[in-house]
Amino acid sequence: MNVENVPLLLNNALRQLLDEARMESALVPMTSPVHAFYAGVAAAAEDRLRPARQDSHRTAWLDAEQPAFREGYLQASNVIATAGPAPVRLLLPRPSPDLVAPGSPETEGED
């Protein structure tokens, strides 16, 4: 692989991750924790694509976000960081929320 193609591969993978996160967040209500999670994933991808955007965050900005947003941002940041300068695959794995709503079938019978 040519070294000149490395940033292009990562940028393409980041754009794919960003598009997938936006698509997933559009499928659920804006008030949903799943929406916030994928908004965090999208924000992490955008920050890596546009470093100046990340530099403009105020101190402790992430602490002010919803917990689901923070989780999505941090999971996506970890995926991006482990990809290195160029992902082994052309796609970065999209993080998935580990959120279960109270009273949902998954939590029935737990108490």
N, C-alpha and C. Protein backbone atom coordinates (compact mmCIF):
# COMPACT_ATOMS: atom_id res chain seq x y z
N MET A 1 0.85 -1.17 0.00
CA MET A 1 0.00 0.00 0.00
C MET A 1 0.89 1.23 0.00
N ASN A 2 0.59 2.19 -0.82
CA ASN A 2 1.33 3.43 -0.92
C ASN A 2 1.03 4.30 0.29
N VAL A 3 2.06 4.88 0.90
CA VAL A 3 1.90 5.72 2.09
C VAL A 3 1.02 6.92 1.79
N GLU A 4 1.05 7.42 0.56
CA GLU A 4 0.23 8.58 0.20
C GLU A 4 -1.26 8.27 0.30
N ASN A 5 -1.66 7.00 0.18
CA ASN A 5 -3.06 6.62 0.23
C ASN A 5 -3.58 6.45 1.66
N VAL A 6 -2.70 6.42 2.64
CA VAL A 6 -3.10 6.16 4.02
C VAL A 6 -4.12 7.18 4.52
N PRO A 7 -3.86 8.48 4.44
CA PRO A 7 -4.85 9.43 4.93
C PRO A 7 -6.18 9.33 4.18
N LEU A 8 -6.13 9.06 2.90
CA LEU A 8 -7.34 8.94 2.11
C LEU A 8 -8.18 7.76 2.58
N LEU A 9 -7.53 6.63 2.86
CA LEU A 9 -8.26 5.46 3.37
C LEU A 9 -8.93 5.77 4.69
N LEU A 10 -8.20 6.42 5.60
CA LEU A 10 -8.78 6.75 6.90
C LEU A 10 -9.92 7.74 6.73
N ASN A 11 -9.74 8.75 5.89
CA ASN A 11 -10.81 9.73 5.67
C ASN A 11 -12.05 9.06 5.10
N ASN A 12 -11.88 8.15 4.16
CA ASN A 12 -13.03 7.44 3.61
C ASN A 12 -13.73 6.61 4.68
N ALA A 13 -12.96 5.94 5.52
CA ALA A 13 -13.55 5.13 6.59
C ALA A 13 -14.27 6.02 7.60
N LEU A 14 -13.70 7.17 7.90
CA LEU A 14 -14.35 8.10 8.83
C LEU A 14 -15.64 8.65 8.25
N ARG A 15 -15.63 8.97 6.98
CA ARG A 15 -16.86 9.48 6.34
C ARG A 15 -17.95 8.40 6.34
N GLN A 16 -17.55 7.15 6.11
CA GLN A 16 -18.52 6.05 6.16
C GLN A 16 -19.10 5.90 7.56
N LEU A 17 -18.24 5.97 8.58
CA LEU A 17 -18.70 5.89 9.97
C LEU A 17 -19.64 7.04 10.28
N LEU A 18 -19.30 8.24 9.84
CA LEU A 18 -20.14 9.41 10.05
C LEU A 18 -21.50 9.24 9.38
N ASP A 19 -21.52 8.79 8.14
CA ASP A 19 -22.77 8.58 7.42
C ASP A 19 -23.64 7.52 8.11
N GLU A 20 -23.02 6.42 8.54
CA GLU A 20 -23.78 5.36 9.21
C GLU A 20 -24.36 5.85 10.53
N ALA A 21 -23.58 6.62 11.29
CA ALA A 21 -24.07 7.14 12.57
C ALA A 21 -25.24 8.10 12.36
N ARG A 22 -25.13 8.94 11.36
CA ARG A 22 -26.24 9.87 11.06
C ARG A 22 -27.50 9.11 10.63
N MET A 23 -27.30 8.06 9.85
CA MET A 23 -28.43 7.26 9.39
C MET A 23 -29.10 6.57 10.58
N GLU A 24 -28.31 5.98 11.46
CA GLU A 24 -28.87 5.30 12.64
C GLU A 24 -29.60 6.28 13.55
N SER A 25 -29.04 7.46 13.76
CA SER A 25 -29.69 8.43 14.65
C SER A 25 -30.99 8.95 14.05
N ALA A 26 -31.08 8.96 12.74
CA ALA A 26 -32.30 9.45 12.09
C ALA A 26 -33.46 8.46 12.23
N LEU A 27 -33.16 7.22 12.58
CA LEU A 27 -34.19 6.19 12.67
C LEU A 27 -34.92 6.16 14.01
N VAL A 28 -34.44 6.93 14.97
CA VAL A 28 -35.04 6.92 16.31
C VAL A 28 -35.42 8.34 16.72
N PRO A 29 -36.34 8.49 17.67
CA PRO A 29 -36.72 9.84 18.11
C PRO A 29 -35.52 10.61 18.65
N MET A 30 -35.53 11.93 18.47
CA MET A 30 -34.43 12.77 18.92
C MET A 30 -34.24 12.71 20.43
N THR A 31 -35.27 12.36 21.17
CA THR A 31 -35.17 12.29 22.63
C THR A 31 -34.63 10.95 23.11
N SER A 32 -34.42 10.02 22.20
CA SER A 32 -33.95 8.68 22.55
C SER A 32 -32.47 8.68 22.91
N PRO A 33 -32.09 7.87 23.90
CA PRO A 33 -30.66 7.73 24.20
C PRO A 33 -29.88 7.14 23.01
N VAL A 34 -30.55 6.34 22.19
CA VAL A 34 -29.89 5.77 21.01
C VAL A 34 -29.53 6.90 20.03
N HIS A 35 -30.41 7.88 19.90
CA HIS A 35 -30.13 9.03 19.04
C HIS A 35 -28.90 9.78 19.58
N ALA A 36 -28.87 10.00 20.87
CA ALA A 36 -27.74 10.71 21.48
C ALA A 36 -26.45 9.91 21.30
N PHE A 37 -26.53 8.59 21.44
CA PHE A 37 -25.35 7.74 21.26
C PHE A 37 -24.77 7.92 19.87
N TYR A 38 -25.62 7.80 18.84
CA TYR A 38 -25.12 7.92 17.47
C TYR A 38 -24.71 9.35 17.14
N ALA A 39 -25.30 10.35 17.79
CA ALA A 39 -24.82 11.72 17.63
C ALA A 39 -23.40 11.83 18.17
N GLY A 40 -23.11 11.13 19.25
CA GLY A 40 -21.75 11.11 19.79
C GLY A 40 -20.77 10.42 18.85
N VAL A 41 -21.21 9.31 18.25
CA VAL A 41 -20.37 8.62 17.27
C VAL A 41 -20.05 9.55 16.11
N ALA A 42 -21.08 10.24 15.61
CA ALA A 42 -20.89 11.17 14.50
C ALA A 42 -19.94 12.31 14.89
N ALA A 43 -20.08 12.82 16.10
CA ALA A 43 -19.22 13.91 16.56
C ALA A 43 -17.76 13.47 16.62
N ALA A 44 -17.51 12.24 17.07
CA ALA A 44 -16.13 11.74 17.13
C ALA A 44 -15.53 11.63 15.73
N ALA A 45 -16.32 11.13 14.79
CA ALA A 45 -15.83 11.02 13.42
C ALA A 45 -15.56 12.40 12.82
N GLU A 46 -16.47 13.34 13.07
CA GLU A 46 -16.26 14.70 12.56
C GLU A 46 -15.02 15.35 13.19
N ASP A 47 -14.82 15.12 14.49
CA ASP A 47 -13.64 15.69 15.14
C ASP A 47 -12.36 15.17 14.53
N ARG A 48 -12.33 13.90 14.17
CA ARG A 48 -11.12 13.32 13.57
C ARG A 48 -10.94 13.80 12.12
N LEU A 49 -12.07 14.00 11.42
CA LEU A 49 -11.99 14.50 10.05
C LEU A 49 -11.56 15.96 10.00
N ARG A 50 -11.99 16.72 10.99
CA ARG A 50 -11.72 18.17 11.03
C ARG A 50 -11.07 18.51 12.37
N PRO A 51 -9.75 18.34 12.48
CA PRO A 51 -9.08 18.58 13.76
C PRO A 51 -9.33 19.98 14.34
N ALA A 52 -9.52 20.98 13.50
CA ALA A 52 -9.78 22.33 14.00
C ALA A 52 -11.09 22.37 14.79
N ARG A 53 -12.04 21.53 14.41
CA ARG A 53 -13.32 21.45 15.13
C ARG A 53 -13.08 20.94 16.54
N GLN A 54 -12.24 19.92 16.68
CA GLN A 54 -11.94 19.35 17.99
C GLN A 54 -11.20 20.37 18.86
N ASP A 55 -10.31 21.13 18.25
CA ASP A 55 -9.56 22.14 19.00
C ASP A 55 -10.47 23.25 19.51
N SER A 56 -11.63 23.44 18.88
CA SER A 56 -12.53 24.52 19.29
C SER A 56 -13.42 24.15 20.47
N HIS A 57 -13.42 22.87 20.89
CA HIS A 57 -14.23 22.47 22.05
C HIS A 57 -13.72 23.16 23.30
N ARG A 58 -14.66 23.63 24.09
CA ARG A 58 -14.25 24.23 25.36
C ARG A 58 -13.83 23.11 26.33
N THR A 59 -13.14 23.47 27.36
CA THR A 59 -12.68 22.50 28.36
C THR A 59 -13.88 21.80 28.98
N ALA A 60 -13.79 20.51 29.11
CA ALA A 60 -14.82 19.68 29.74
C ALA A 60 -16.16 19.71 28.99
N TRP A 61 -16.12 19.99 27.68
CA TRP A 61 -17.36 20.05 26.91
C TRP A 61 -18.09 18.71 26.92
N LEU A 62 -17.34 17.63 26.90
CA LEU A 62 -17.96 16.31 26.84
C LEU A 62 -18.73 15.99 28.12
N ASP A 63 -18.26 16.48 29.24
CA ASP A 63 -18.96 16.26 30.52
C ASP A 63 -20.35 16.89 30.53
N ALA A 64 -20.54 17.92 29.73
CA ALA A 64 -21.83 18.60 29.69
C ALA A 64 -22.85 17.88 28.80
N GLU A 65 -22.40 16.89 28.04
CA GLU A 65 -23.29 16.15 27.14
C GLU A 65 -24.02 15.03 27.88
N GLN A 66 -25.07 14.51 27.25
CA GLN A 66 -25.83 13.40 27.81
C GLN A 66 -24.92 12.17 27.94
N PRO A 67 -25.19 11.30 28.93
CA PRO A 67 -24.36 10.10 29.10
C PRO A 67 -24.30 9.23 27.83
N ALA A 68 -25.41 9.08 27.13
CA ALA A 68 -25.41 8.26 25.91
C ALA A 68 -24.53 8.89 24.83
N PHE A 69 -24.56 10.21 24.71
CA PHE A 69 -23.69 10.91 23.75
C PHE A 69 -22.23 10.66 24.10
N ARG A 70 -21.90 10.83 25.38
CA ARG A 70 -20.52 10.61 25.82
C ARG A 70 -20.06 9.19 25.50
N GLU A 71 -20.94 8.22 25.76
CA GLU A 71 -20.60 6.82 25.50
C GLU A 71 -20.32 6.59 24.01
N GLY A 72 -21.18 7.13 23.16
CA GLY A 72 -20.98 7.00 21.71
C GLY A 72 -19.70 7.68 21.26
N TYR A 73 -19.45 8.87 21.80
CA TYR A 73 -18.24 9.61 21.43
C TYR A 73 -17.00 8.85 21.84
N LEU A 74 -17.00 8.34 23.07
CA LEU A 74 -15.81 7.63 23.57
C LEU A 74 -15.60 6.30 22.86
N GLN A 75 -16.68 5.56 22.62
CA GLN A 75 -16.53 4.29 21.90
C GLN A 75 -15.99 4.52 20.49
N ALA A 76 -16.56 5.50 19.81
CA ALA A 76 -16.10 5.80 18.44
C ALA A 76 -14.65 6.29 18.45
N SER A 77 -14.30 7.11 19.43
CA SER A 77 -12.93 7.60 19.54
C SER A 77 -11.95 6.45 19.72
N ASN A 78 -12.35 5.45 20.51
CA ASN A 78 -11.50 4.27 20.71
C ASN A 78 -11.35 3.48 19.41
N VAL A 79 -12.45 3.30 18.68
CA VAL A 79 -12.40 2.58 17.41
C VAL A 79 -11.46 3.31 16.44
N ILE A 80 -11.60 4.62 16.39
CA ILE A 80 -10.78 5.43 15.48
C ILE A 80 -9.31 5.36 15.88
N ALA A 81 -9.05 5.45 17.17
CA ALA A 81 -7.66 5.43 17.65
C ALA A 81 -7.00 4.07 17.37
N THR A 82 -7.74 2.99 17.54
CA THR A 82 -7.16 1.68 17.31
C THR A 82 -6.96 1.38 15.82
N ALA A 83 -7.64 2.15 14.97
CA ALA A 83 -7.46 1.97 13.52
C ALA A 83 -6.09 2.48 13.09
N GLY A 84 -5.50 3.37 13.88
CA GLY A 84 -4.20 3.93 13.51
C GLY A 84 -4.35 4.88 12.34
N PRO A 85 -3.26 5.15 11.65
CA PRO A 85 -3.32 6.08 10.54
C PRO A 85 -4.11 5.55 9.35
N ALA A 86 -4.25 4.23 9.27
CA ALA A 86 -5.04 3.65 8.19
C ALA A 86 -5.70 2.39 8.71
N PRO A 87 -7.02 2.29 8.56
CA PRO A 87 -7.69 1.07 9.02
C PRO A 87 -7.25 -0.13 8.19
N VAL A 88 -7.21 -1.28 8.83
CA VAL A 88 -6.87 -2.51 8.11
C VAL A 88 -7.95 -2.78 7.07
N ARG A 89 -9.19 -2.57 7.47
CA ARG A 89 -10.30 -2.69 6.52
C ARG A 89 -10.65 -1.29 6.04
N LEU A 90 -11.40 -1.20 4.99
CA LEU A 90 -11.79 0.11 4.49
C LEU A 90 -12.94 0.71 5.27
N LEU A 91 -13.51 -0.06 6.20
CA LEU A 91 -14.60 0.44 7.03
C LEU A 91 -14.21 0.32 8.49
N LEU A 92 -14.58 1.30 9.28
CA LEU A 92 -14.40 1.22 10.72
C LEU A 92 -15.65 0.58 11.30
N PRO A 93 -15.52 -0.31 12.27
CA PRO A 93 -16.72 -0.91 12.85
C PRO A 93 -17.52 0.15 13.61
N ARG A 94 -18.80 0.20 13.35
CA ARG A 94 -19.66 1.19 14.00
C ARG A 94 -19.98 0.71 15.41
N PRO A 95 -19.70 1.52 16.44
CA PRO A 95 -20.08 1.14 17.79
C PRO A 95 -21.59 1.01 17.90
N SER A 96 -22.05 0.17 18.80
CA SER A 96 -23.48 -0.01 19.04
C SER A 96 -23.79 0.36 20.47
N PRO A 97 -24.92 0.99 20.69
CA PRO A 97 -25.27 1.37 22.07
C PRO A 97 -25.61 0.13 22.88
N ASP A 98 -25.25 0.17 24.14
CA ASP A 98 -25.60 -0.89 25.07
C ASP A 98 -26.65 -0.32 26.01
N LEU A 99 -27.73 0.18 25.41
CA LEU A 99 -28.77 0.86 26.16
C LEU A 99 -30.05 0.03 26.13
N VAL A 100 -30.62 -0.21 27.29
CA VAL A 100 -31.88 -0.93 27.38
C VAL A 100 -32.84 -0.04 28.16
N ALA A 101 -33.96 0.27 27.56
CA ALA A 101 -34.94 1.14 28.20
C ALA A 101 -35.63 0.41 29.34
N PRO A 102 -35.86 1.09 30.47
CA PRO A 102 -36.59 0.47 31.57
C PRO A 102 -37.96 0.03 31.11
N GLY A 103 -38.39 -1.17 31.50
CA GLY A 103 -39.70 -1.69 31.12
C GLY A 103 -39.71 -2.36 29.77
N SER A 104 -38.56 -2.39 29.07
CA SER A 104 -38.51 -3.05 27.78
C SER A 104 -38.49 -4.56 27.99
N PRO A 105 -38.80 -5.34 26.96
CA PRO A 105 -38.80 -6.81 27.11
C PRO A 105 -37.49 -7.36 27.63
N GLU A 106 -36.37 -6.68 27.33
CA GLU A 106 -35.08 -7.17 27.79
C GLU A 106 -34.93 -7.09 29.30
N THR A 107 -35.67 -6.15 29.94
CA THR A 107 -35.53 -5.97 31.38
C THR A 107 -36.67 -6.59 32.17
N GLU A 108 -37.65 -7.17 31.49
CA GLU A 108 -38.76 -7.82 32.18
C GLU A 108 -38.24 -8.94 33.05
N GLY A 109 -38.74 -9.04 34.25
CA GLY A 109 -38.37 -10.12 35.14
C GLY A 109 -37.08 -9.86 35.91
N GLU A 110 -36.42 -8.73 35.66
CA GLU A 110 -35.20 -8.41 36.41
C GLU A 110 -35.61 -7.55 37.60
N ASP A 111 -35.29 -7.86 38.75
CA ASP A 111 -35.53 -7.10 39.98
C ASP A 111 -35.08 -7.89 41.14
